[in-house]
C-alpha cells in the first residue's frame, strides 16, 4: 500500500510528464541527468488550470515570462497541471506544490484554482487570472494594494454576460427561448451566470432555461434536452470545463442545429457561431509577466491587480450560413473577426 498522499503525487507526476512532453516537445527529451541538474538550479513555477491542455494559455504565459526575462528550461522550470474539470483534485495538488516549495503558483484562468492556492499557502506567491472580483473572492485586500501573497488580473469574464447575450440576440433576433448551459461544480462562475442572465434576458424580452453539466456524459444529456425544451439558442457559460471542450460543444450544437454563443474564440474557430469575451492569451501573458517580476524579487503585495483590457467578438460566417442566419452588416463591422 502506498503511503498517504503518495498516490496523489504519482498521479500528478504522471500528468505533469505527459503534458510537459505534449506542450514542450523536444525539450522534454533531454537526458534525465542533465535535465535534473539544470532544473535543480532553476526556480520552479506551478502552472495550474482546471481545464484541459490549452495552447493559447501556455503561449500567452510563456510570452509574459519572456517579457520579464525568463525562458523555460533556461532560467525557469514550469510544471503544467491540467485537471480536466476535476475541481475536487485542486486541494491535494496545491498541497503538493506547497510541500515542494515551488517559487510561484500561477493560475491564469479560473476562480477555483486561485481560491485553492490561496487556501493552501499564505507564503508562496500566487499569480491569478480570475473572472470575478478578487477582493470578494478573498484573494486580495484591495485591487491597488493586494497586501498578501497573491496578485494577478481580473479577466472580467463574468462581467460580459449581458453583453454576450445581447450580441447573440442581435445575431439571432428571432430566438426567444435561450438555454443556458452552466457547470454547477464551478460554483463562482455558475452563481454569477445565474445571477446576471435573468436580468439581461428580461431586458431583451427573452426567456431562459438552465441546463447543468459537470461531466462529459452530462453535456450530451444537456444537448438532448434542448429539443424537449424547444430552445431557440444556447448560451454557454464562461467555465473552464466547457472552455476545454470547444470541439465537442460545437459538434453537438451543429448536430442539434442550435445557434450558440461561447466565451472563447477557440469555439468559433472550431465551427461555432459566435463568441465574445476577454482575450485569454493576453490575460495569461500578464500573469506570466507578473510571475517573472516576482521571480526577480517583486512582492505580490506591491503589485496591483490588473484589469483585462482586450476583448474579442468573433463570428463564424460559415456556421451562420449553415444555420440559415444572415449576419447583419452592423455586426460584421463590430466584430473583431469574421471567420469565413
Protein backbone atom coordinates (compact mmCIF):
# COMPACT_ATOMS: atom_id res chain seq x y z
CA UNK A 1 0.00 0.00 0.00
CA UNK A 2 1.31 3.45 -0.85
CA UNK A 3 1.97 5.92 1.98
CA UNK A 4 -0.72 8.62 2.44
CA UNK A 5 -0.57 11.19 -0.39
CA UNK A 6 1.85 9.10 -2.46
CA UNK A 7 -0.88 8.05 -4.88
CA UNK A 8 -1.79 11.68 -5.50
CA UNK A 9 1.84 12.61 -6.12
CA UNK A 10 2.29 9.75 -8.56
CA UNK A 11 -0.89 10.78 -10.39
CA UNK A 12 0.22 14.40 -10.57
CA UNK A 13 3.71 13.40 -11.70
CA UNK A 14 2.28 11.24 -14.48
CA UNK A 15 0.05 14.08 -15.59
CA UNK A 16 2.90 16.54 -15.42
CA UNK A 17 5.20 14.38 -17.50
CA UNK A 18 2.51 13.75 -20.11
CA UNK A 19 1.58 17.40 -20.52
CA UNK A 20 5.20 18.51 -20.31
CA UNK A 21 6.04 16.28 -23.25
CA UNK A 22 2.94 17.30 -25.19
CA UNK A 23 3.41 21.03 -24.68
CA UNK A 24 7.17 21.40 -24.71
CA UNK A 25 8.01 18.91 -27.44
CA UNK A 26 11.67 18.18 -27.78
CA UNK A 27 12.77 19.94 -24.61
CA UNK A 28 11.33 17.05 -22.60
CA UNK A 29 13.69 14.65 -24.37
CA UNK A 30 16.83 15.96 -22.66
CA UNK A 31 18.89 13.32 -20.88
CA UNK A 32 17.34 12.85 -17.46
CA UNK A 33 20.52 13.59 -15.53
CA UNK A 34 21.20 16.81 -17.41
CA UNK A 35 17.61 17.96 -17.06
CA UNK A 36 17.53 17.18 -13.35
CA UNK A 37 20.79 19.05 -12.79
CA UNK A 38 19.61 22.15 -14.65
CA UNK A 39 16.13 22.11 -13.07
CA UNK A 40 17.64 21.91 -9.58
CA UNK A 41 19.34 25.26 -10.15
CA UNK A 42 16.22 26.95 -11.53
CA UNK A 43 13.09 28.24 -9.80
CA UNK A 44 10.01 26.09 -10.32
CA UNK A 45 6.63 27.58 -11.24
CA UNK A 46 3.48 25.52 -10.80
CA UNK A 47 1.05 26.41 -13.61
CA UNK A 48 -2.41 25.11 -12.68
CA UNK A 49 -5.55 25.07 -14.79
CA UNK A 50 -8.74 23.19 -14.02
CA UNK A 51 -9.48 22.56 -17.70
CA UNK A 52 -7.72 20.54 -20.39
CA UNK A 53 -4.41 21.49 -22.06
CA UNK A 54 -4.85 24.89 -23.69
CA UNK A 55 -2.21 26.07 -26.16
CA UNK A 56 -3.33 29.73 -26.06
CA UNK A 57 -2.94 29.95 -22.28
CA UNK A 58 0.51 28.35 -22.44
CA UNK A 59 1.67 30.57 -25.30
CA UNK A 60 0.46 33.70 -23.56
CA UNK A 61 2.12 32.71 -20.27
CA UNK A 62 5.43 31.96 -21.97
CA UNK A 63 5.32 35.29 -23.78
CA UNK A 64 4.82 37.10 -20.49
CA UNK A 65 7.68 35.22 -18.87
CA UNK A 66 9.90 36.12 -21.81
CA UNK A 67 8.98 39.81 -21.48
CA UNK A 68 10.10 39.61 -17.85
CA UNK A 69 13.40 38.00 -18.83
CA UNK A 70 12.61 34.32 -18.23
CA UNK A 71 12.79 31.48 -20.74
CA UNK A 72 11.59 27.99 -19.92
CA UNK A 73 14.31 25.38 -19.42
CA UNK A 74 16.97 28.10 -19.45
CA UNK A 75 16.35 30.03 -16.25
CA UNK A 76 12.94 28.79 -15.05
CA UNK A 77 11.10 25.46 -14.93
CA UNK A 78 7.33 25.45 -15.44
CA UNK A 79 5.30 22.42 -14.37
CA UNK A 80 1.89 22.29 -16.09
CA UNK A 81 -1.13 20.75 -14.41
CA UNK A 82 -4.44 20.31 -16.26
CA UNK A 83 -7.26 18.86 -14.19
CA UNK A 84 -9.85 18.40 -16.93
CA UNK A 85 -12.70 19.84 -14.88
CA UNK A 86 -11.96 17.74 -11.79
CA UNK A 87 -12.13 20.61 -9.32
CA UNK A 88 -12.05 18.25 -6.32
CA UNK A 89 -8.39 17.50 -7.13
CA UNK A 90 -7.31 21.10 -6.58
CA UNK A 91 -6.69 21.00 -2.80
CA UNK A 92 -4.40 17.95 -2.99
CA UNK A 93 -2.49 19.37 -5.93
CA UNK A 94 -1.97 22.72 -4.21
CA UNK A 95 -0.85 20.96 -1.04
CA UNK A 96 1.71 19.02 -3.09
CA UNK A 97 3.09 22.23 -4.65
CA UNK A 98 3.34 23.85 -1.22
CA UNK A 99 5.16 20.82 0.23
CA UNK A 100 7.70 21.06 -2.56
CA UNK A 101 8.16 24.82 -2.03
CA UNK A 102 7.69 25.92 -5.64
CA UNK A 103 8.71 29.51 -6.30
CA UNK A 104 5.34 30.70 -7.67
CA UNK A 105 1.89 29.20 -8.21
CA UNK A 106 0.28 30.58 -11.38
CA UNK A 107 -3.44 30.10 -12.06
CA UNK A 108 -4.00 32.12 -15.25
CA UNK A 109 -7.64 31.23 -15.84
CA UNK A 110 -10.04 30.09 -13.15
CA UNK A 111 -11.53 31.25 -9.88
CA UNK A 112 -11.44 27.88 -8.11
CA UNK A 113 -7.75 27.25 -8.84
CA UNK A 114 -6.84 30.63 -7.38
CA UNK A 115 -9.05 30.07 -4.32
CA UNK A 116 -7.50 26.64 -3.74
CA UNK A 117 -3.99 28.09 -3.99
CA UNK A 118 -4.82 30.85 -1.51
CA UNK A 119 -6.28 28.30 0.91
CA UNK A 120 -3.12 26.20 0.68
CA UNK A 121 -0.49 28.86 1.40
CA UNK A 122 -0.03 32.34 2.79
CA UNK A 123 3.66 32.49 1.91
CA UNK A 124 4.28 31.14 -1.61
CA UNK A 125 3.49 33.86 -4.18
CA UNK A 126 0.32 33.31 -6.24
CA UNK A 127 -0.44 34.99 -9.57
CA UNK A 128 -4.03 34.51 -10.68
CA UNK A 129 -6.42 35.26 -13.51
CA UNK A 130 -9.99 35.30 -12.21
CA UNK A 131 -13.34 36.23 -13.70
CA UNK A 132 -14.86 37.59 -10.50
CA UNK A 133 -13.85 40.35 -8.08
CA UNK A 134 -10.66 39.07 -6.38
CA UNK A 135 -11.48 41.09 -3.25
CA UNK A 136 -14.85 39.35 -2.96
CA UNK A 137 -13.16 36.01 -3.58
CA UNK A 138 -10.86 36.68 -0.62
CA UNK A 139 -7.69 36.66 -2.70
CA UNK A 140 -6.54 40.24 -2.02
CA UNK A 141 -7.29 43.06 0.43
CA UNK A 142 -7.77 45.58 -2.38
CA UNK A 143 -7.04 45.89 -6.09
CA UNK A 144 -4.50 48.68 -5.66
CA UNK A 145 -2.78 47.13 -2.64
CA UNK A 146 -3.23 43.34 -2.61
CA UNK A 147 -1.48 43.15 0.74
CA UNK A 148 -0.76 39.41 0.85
CA UNK A 149 0.89 36.66 -1.18
CA UNK A 150 -1.45 36.89 -4.19
CA UNK A 151 -1.97 39.25 -7.11
CA UNK A 152 -2.87 38.94 -10.79
CA UNK A 153 -5.52 40.04 -13.24
CA UNK A 154 -9.29 40.27 -13.17
CA UNK A 155 -10.24 38.92 -16.59
CA UNK A 156 -13.83 40.18 -16.14
CA UNK A 157 -15.27 37.01 -17.68
CA UNK A 158 -18.37 37.28 -15.53
CA UNK A 159 -18.97 40.96 -16.28
CA UNK A 160 -19.61 40.43 -20.00
CA UNK A 161 -22.59 38.09 -19.59
CA UNK A 162 -25.17 40.72 -20.56
CA UNK A 163 -23.04 41.96 -23.46
CA UNK A 164 -22.64 38.46 -24.89
CA UNK A 165 -26.34 37.69 -24.57
CA UNK A 166 -27.14 40.98 -26.31
CA UNK A 167 -24.85 40.14 -29.22
CA UNK A 168 -26.50 36.73 -29.57
CA UNK A 169 -29.88 38.46 -29.67
CA UNK A 170 -28.64 40.86 -32.36
CA UNK A 171 -27.33 37.94 -34.43
CA UNK A 172 -30.40 35.72 -33.94
CA UNK A 173 -33.24 38.20 -33.28
CA UNK A 174 -35.96 35.57 -33.74
CA UNK A 175 -34.58 33.46 -30.89
CA UNK A 176 -36.78 33.97 -27.83
CA UNK A 177 -36.16 30.93 -25.61
CA UNK A 178 -32.50 30.72 -24.64
CA UNK A 179 -30.98 27.65 -22.98
CA UNK A 180 -28.13 28.48 -20.60
CA UNK A 181 -25.50 25.78 -20.03
CA UNK A 182 -23.74 26.04 -16.64
CA UNK A 183 -21.43 23.83 -14.61
CA UNK A 184 -22.74 23.65 -11.03
CA UNK A 185 -19.41 22.19 -9.86
CA UNK A 186 -17.77 25.54 -10.68
CA UNK A 187 -19.74 27.47 -8.08
CA UNK A 188 -18.35 31.01 -8.61
CA UNK A 189 -19.00 31.05 -12.37
CA UNK A 190 -22.36 29.30 -12.08
CA UNK A 191 -23.58 31.73 -9.43
CA UNK A 192 -22.59 34.81 -11.44
CA UNK A 193 -24.15 33.44 -14.62
CA UNK A 194 -27.39 32.52 -12.90
CA UNK A 195 -27.48 35.93 -11.25
CA UNK A 196 -26.83 38.04 -14.35
CA UNK A 197 -28.56 36.07 -17.11
CA UNK A 198 -32.19 36.50 -15.92
CA UNK A 199 -31.89 40.28 -15.63
CA UNK A 200 -30.19 40.60 -19.02
CA UNK A 201 -32.78 38.30 -20.61
CA UNK A 202 -35.72 40.28 -19.21
CA UNK A 203 -34.26 43.49 -20.61
CA UNK A 204 -34.20 41.88 -24.07
CA UNK A 205 -37.59 40.19 -23.77
CA UNK A 206 -36.06 36.71 -23.72
CA UNK A 207 -36.94 33.58 -21.77
CA UNK A 208 -34.22 31.36 -20.28
CA UNK A 209 -33.96 27.71 -19.29
CA UNK A 210 -31.00 26.41 -17.28
CA UNK A 211 -29.14 23.24 -18.25
CA UNK A 212 -26.48 21.72 -15.97
CA UNK A 213 -23.39 19.71 -16.91
CA UNK A 214 -20.34 18.84 -14.83
CA UNK A 215 -19.16 15.75 -16.76
CA UNK A 216 -18.85 14.78 -20.43
CA UNK A 217 -21.89 12.49 -20.35
CA UNK A 218 -23.93 15.32 -18.82
CA UNK A 219 -23.05 17.59 -21.75
CA UNK A 220 -24.66 15.11 -24.15
CA UNK A 221 -27.72 14.89 -21.91
CA UNK A 222 -27.98 18.68 -21.77
CA UNK A 223 -27.98 18.98 -25.56
CA UNK A 224 -30.56 16.23 -25.83
CA UNK A 225 -32.79 18.35 -23.58
CA UNK A 226 -32.60 21.31 -25.96
CA UNK A 227 -35.23 19.84 -28.25
CA UNK A 228 -37.56 18.95 -25.42
CA UNK A 229 -37.30 22.47 -24.06
CA UNK A 230 -37.81 23.93 -27.56
CA UNK A 231 -34.79 26.20 -27.13
CA UNK A 232 -34.08 28.68 -29.93
CA UNK A 233 -30.45 29.33 -28.99
CA UNK A 234 -27.78 28.33 -26.48
CA UNK A 235 -25.63 30.43 -24.12
CA UNK A 236 -22.57 28.52 -22.86
CA UNK A 237 -21.23 29.85 -19.55
CA UNK A 238 -17.61 31.01 -19.32
CA UNK A 239 -16.49 27.87 -17.50
CA UNK A 240 -13.08 26.20 -17.73
CA UNK A 241 -14.68 22.75 -18.09
CA UNK A 242 -16.66 23.92 -21.14
CA UNK A 243 -13.78 26.02 -22.48
CA UNK A 244 -11.58 22.92 -22.59
CA UNK A 245 -14.10 21.16 -24.86
CA UNK A 246 -14.89 23.63 -27.65
CA UNK A 247 -14.86 20.99 -30.38
CA UNK A 248 -17.35 18.73 -28.58
CA UNK A 249 -19.73 21.59 -27.81
CA UNK A 250 -19.59 22.87 -31.38
CA UNK A 251 -20.21 19.40 -32.82
CA UNK A 252 -23.26 18.91 -30.62
CA UNK A 253 -24.59 22.38 -31.42
CA UNK A 254 -24.27 21.62 -35.14
CA UNK A 255 -25.97 18.23 -34.69
CA UNK A 256 -28.95 19.82 -32.97
CA UNK A 257 -28.84 22.87 -35.28
CA UNK A 258 -28.84 25.26 -32.35
CA UNK A 259 -27.25 28.75 -32.61
CA UNK A 260 -24.79 29.03 -29.71
CA UNK A 261 -22.62 31.70 -28.14
CA UNK A 262 -19.35 30.94 -26.36
CA UNK A 263 -16.91 32.88 -24.22
CA UNK A 264 -13.79 31.85 -26.16
CA UNK A 265 -12.78 32.33 -29.79
CA UNK A 266 -11.45 28.76 -29.99
CA UNK A 267 -15.05 27.55 -30.14
CA UNK A 268 -15.73 29.76 -33.16
CA UNK A 269 -12.51 28.62 -34.81
CA UNK A 270 -13.80 25.06 -34.32
CA UNK A 271 -17.02 25.93 -36.18
CA UNK A 272 -19.16 27.60 -33.52
CA UNK A 273 -21.42 30.53 -34.37
CA UNK A 274 -20.06 33.36 -32.22
CA UNK A 275 -18.05 34.27 -29.16
CA UNK A 276 -17.47 37.31 -27.02
CA UNK A 277 -15.06 37.50 -24.13
CA UNK A 278 -11.69 38.52 -22.84
CA UNK A 279 -8.57 37.79 -24.86
CA UNK A 280 -7.45 34.83 -22.74
CA UNK A 281 -3.97 34.64 -24.25
CA UNK A 282 -3.32 38.27 -23.32
CA UNK A 283 -4.61 37.68 -19.79
CA UNK A 284 -2.29 34.70 -19.44
CA UNK A 285 0.56 36.85 -20.78
CA UNK A 286 0.01 39.36 -18.00
CA UNK A 287 0.06 36.52 -15.46
CA UNK A 288 3.39 35.47 -16.97
CA UNK A 289 4.79 39.00 -16.68
CA UNK A 290 3.87 39.22 -13.00
CA UNK A 291 5.29 35.74 -12.39
CA UNK A 292 8.60 36.86 -13.89
CA UNK A 293 8.66 40.04 -11.83
CA UNK A 294 8.08 38.04 -8.66
CA UNK A 295 10.89 35.65 -9.58
CA UNK A 296 13.10 38.75 -9.82
CA UNK A 297 12.17 39.75 -6.28
CA UNK A 298 8.94 41.76 -6.52
CA UNK A 299 6.36 41.09 -3.80
CA UNK A 300 2.76 40.24 -4.74
CA UNK A 301 1.57 42.66 -2.06
CA UNK A 302 3.13 45.52 -4.02
CA UNK A 303 1.81 44.56 -7.47
CA UNK A 304 -1.70 45.99 -8.07
CA UNK A 305 -4.33 43.69 -9.54
CA UNK A 306 -4.69 44.39 -13.26
CA UNK A 307 -7.92 44.60 -15.22
CA UNK A 308 -8.40 42.93 -18.60
CA UNK A 309 -8.46 45.46 -21.41
CA UNK A 310 -8.66 43.30 -24.55
CA UNK A 311 -11.95 41.69 -25.57
CA UNK A 312 -12.86 39.80 -28.73
CA UNK A 313 -16.09 39.44 -30.69
CA UNK A 314 -15.75 36.68 -33.30
CA UNK A 315 -18.34 35.37 -35.77
CA UNK A 316 -18.15 32.28 -37.96
CA UNK A 317 -19.87 33.20 -41.22
CA UNK A 318 -19.97 29.62 -42.50
CA UNK A 319 -21.68 28.43 -39.32
CA UNK A 320 -24.21 31.23 -39.72
CA UNK A 321 -24.97 30.17 -43.29
CA UNK A 322 -25.44 26.53 -42.27
CA UNK A 323 -27.97 27.69 -39.68
CA UNK A 324 -29.73 29.94 -42.18
CA UNK A 325 -28.65 33.09 -40.30
CA UNK A 326 -27.84 36.29 -42.16
CA UNK A 327 -25.17 38.28 -40.34
CA UNK A 328 -26.12 41.98 -40.39
CA UNK A 329 -23.51 44.37 -41.76
CA UNK A 330 -23.54 46.23 -38.45
CA UNK A 331 -22.36 43.11 -36.62
CA UNK A 332 -19.76 42.31 -39.26
CA UNK A 333 -18.30 45.78 -38.75
CA UNK A 334 -18.45 45.42 -34.97
CA UNK A 335 -16.76 42.02 -34.91
CA UNK A 336 -13.03 41.78 -34.34
CA UNK A 337 -13.00 38.91 -36.82
CA UNK A 338 -15.44 37.22 -39.17
CA UNK A 339 -14.22 33.72 -39.96
CA UNK A 340 -15.20 32.63 -43.46
